[in-house]
Amino acid sequence: MYENNLYEIRVSRGMTQKEFAEEIGMTAANYSRYERGANDIPLTVAKHIAIAFDVSIDQIAGLEEPDFADVAEGQAELEERIIEENAPNEERIRELIREELQNMNNEKP
C-alpha cells in the first residue's frame, strides 16, 4: 500500500466519500479503502479519477503535492454543508433528549 492524495483531491472539491465514489462509479466502501490506503488503486481506477477530476496520475499517487489552499477551502465548504444538512436532525435529537429526560423524571418514585 502507498500514500495517495485521494483525500485532498476529494476534499478540495467539497465532496463526501459517497459523492466522490458515485462520480467515479463505485461504492463508497470501495472508494474508502483506496483513500485510506487499505487497497492499492488500480491503474484503471486512477485513470478514471484523473479524467473525471482533471488531475494527474502523479497527483493521485502522491508524487505531486496537492494545492493545500484548495483543500482547506473545500474542507470548510464540506463541513458547512454537513452542518446544514444535519441541522434539522439536531433539533429532533434535542427534542428526543428532552422527552427522555422528562420520562425519566416521571418514573422516579
Protein backbone atom coordinates (compact mmCIF):
# COMPACT_ATOMS: atom_id res chain seq x y z
CA MET A 1 0.00 0.00 0.00
CA TYR A 2 1.15 3.53 -0.61
CA GLU A 3 0.32 7.07 0.35
CA ASN A 4 -2.04 8.84 -2.04
CA ASN A 5 -3.76 12.22 -2.36
CA LEU A 6 -7.32 10.99 -2.81
CA TYR A 7 -8.48 12.67 0.39
CA GLU A 8 -7.02 16.01 -0.71
CA ILE A 9 -8.45 15.70 -4.23
CA ARG A 10 -11.91 14.82 -2.88
CA VAL A 11 -12.00 17.44 -0.14
CA SER A 12 -10.67 20.19 -2.42
CA ARG A 13 -13.87 19.67 -4.41
CA GLY A 14 -16.05 19.79 -1.29
CA MET A 15 -17.31 16.24 -1.82
CA THR A 16 -18.15 13.46 0.60
CA GLN A 17 -16.71 10.00 0.04
CA LYS A 18 -20.13 8.86 -1.17
CA GLU A 19 -20.42 11.69 -3.71
CA PHE A 20 -16.87 11.15 -4.98
CA ALA A 21 -17.42 7.39 -5.26
CA GLU A 22 -20.68 7.84 -7.16
CA GLU A 23 -18.95 10.24 -9.55
CA ILE A 24 -16.41 7.56 -10.46
CA GLY A 25 -18.93 4.71 -10.44
CA MET A 26 -18.07 2.74 -7.33
CA THR A 27 -19.40 2.20 -3.84
CA ALA A 28 -18.34 4.47 -1.01
CA ALA A 29 -16.93 1.43 0.84
CA ASN A 30 -14.61 0.52 -2.05
CA TYR A 31 -13.55 4.12 -2.53
CA SER A 32 -12.85 4.48 1.20
CA ARG A 33 -10.38 1.59 1.06
CA TYR A 34 -8.42 3.39 -1.66
CA GLU A 35 -8.49 6.71 0.17
CA ARG A 36 -7.27 5.14 3.42
CA GLY A 37 -4.56 3.23 1.59
CA ALA A 38 -6.00 -0.12 2.66
CA ASN A 39 -6.09 -1.17 -1.01
CA ASP A 40 -3.85 -0.08 -3.86
CA ILE A 41 -5.61 1.93 -6.54
CA PRO A 42 -5.78 0.01 -9.84
CA LEU A 43 -4.48 1.97 -12.82
CA THR A 44 -7.90 1.83 -14.47
CA VAL A 45 -9.47 3.49 -11.42
CA ALA A 46 -6.68 6.08 -11.18
CA LYS A 47 -7.15 6.92 -14.87
CA HIS A 48 -10.91 7.33 -14.35
CA ILE A 49 -10.32 9.65 -11.37
CA ALA A 50 -7.72 11.63 -13.33
CA ILE A 51 -10.15 12.21 -16.21
CA ALA A 52 -13.22 12.87 -14.04
CA PHE A 53 -11.46 15.39 -11.78
CA ASP A 54 -8.82 16.80 -14.14
CA VAL A 55 -5.85 15.71 -12.04
CA SER A 56 -2.70 13.81 -12.97
CA ILE A 57 -1.87 10.24 -12.05
CA ASP A 58 1.13 11.71 -10.19
CA GLN A 59 -1.23 13.82 -8.06
CA ILE A 60 -3.38 10.79 -7.29
CA ALA A 61 -0.34 8.67 -6.42
CA GLY A 62 1.06 11.31 -4.06
CA LEU A 63 4.05 12.13 -6.25
CA GLU A 64 2.90 15.75 -6.57
CA GLU A 65 1.81 17.88 -3.63
CA PRO A 66 -1.82 18.99 -3.65
CA ASP A 67 -2.79 22.65 -3.50
CA PHE A 68 -3.45 22.90 0.22
CA ALA A 69 -5.34 26.20 -0.18
CA ASP A 70 -7.89 24.34 -2.32
CA VAL A 71 -8.05 21.55 0.25
CA ALA A 72 -8.70 23.98 3.12
CA GLU A 73 -11.37 25.80 1.13
CA GLY A 74 -13.05 22.53 0.12
CA GLN A 75 -12.91 21.22 3.67
CA ALA A 76 -14.60 24.37 5.01
CA GLU A 77 -17.30 24.08 2.33
CA LEU A 78 -17.83 20.39 3.09
CA GLU A 79 -18.05 20.98 6.86
CA GLU A 80 -20.58 23.79 6.34
CA ARG A 81 -22.69 21.58 4.09
CA ILE A 82 -22.66 18.71 6.58
CA ILE A 83 -23.71 21.04 9.39
CA GLU A 84 -26.54 22.48 7.28
CA GLU A 85 -27.75 19.03 6.22
CA ASN A 86 -27.84 17.85 9.82
CA ALA A 87 -29.39 20.97 11.34
CA PRO A 88 -32.97 19.59 11.19
CA ASN A 89 -31.76 16.43 12.94
CA GLU A 90 -30.14 18.45 15.70
CA GLU A 91 -33.48 19.92 16.83
CA ARG A 92 -35.13 16.49 16.67
CA ILE A 93 -32.32 15.00 18.76
CA ARG A 94 -32.73 17.74 21.35
CA GLU A 95 -36.46 17.06 21.41
CA LEU A 96 -35.92 13.34 21.95
CA ILE A 97 -33.45 14.01 24.76
CA ARG A 98 -35.92 16.36 26.48
CA GLU A 99 -38.68 13.74 26.16
CA GLU A 100 -36.45 11.01 27.56
CA LEU A 101 -35.38 13.19 30.49
CA GLN A 102 -38.99 14.04 31.20
CA ASN A 103 -39.92 10.34 31.08
CA MET A 104 -37.09 9.53 33.45
CA ASN A 105 -38.23 12.24 35.87
CA ASN A 106 -41.83 10.96 35.71
CA GLU A 107 -40.71 7.40 36.51
CA LYS A 108 -38.90 8.37 39.73
CA PRO A 109 -40.64 7.09 42.91
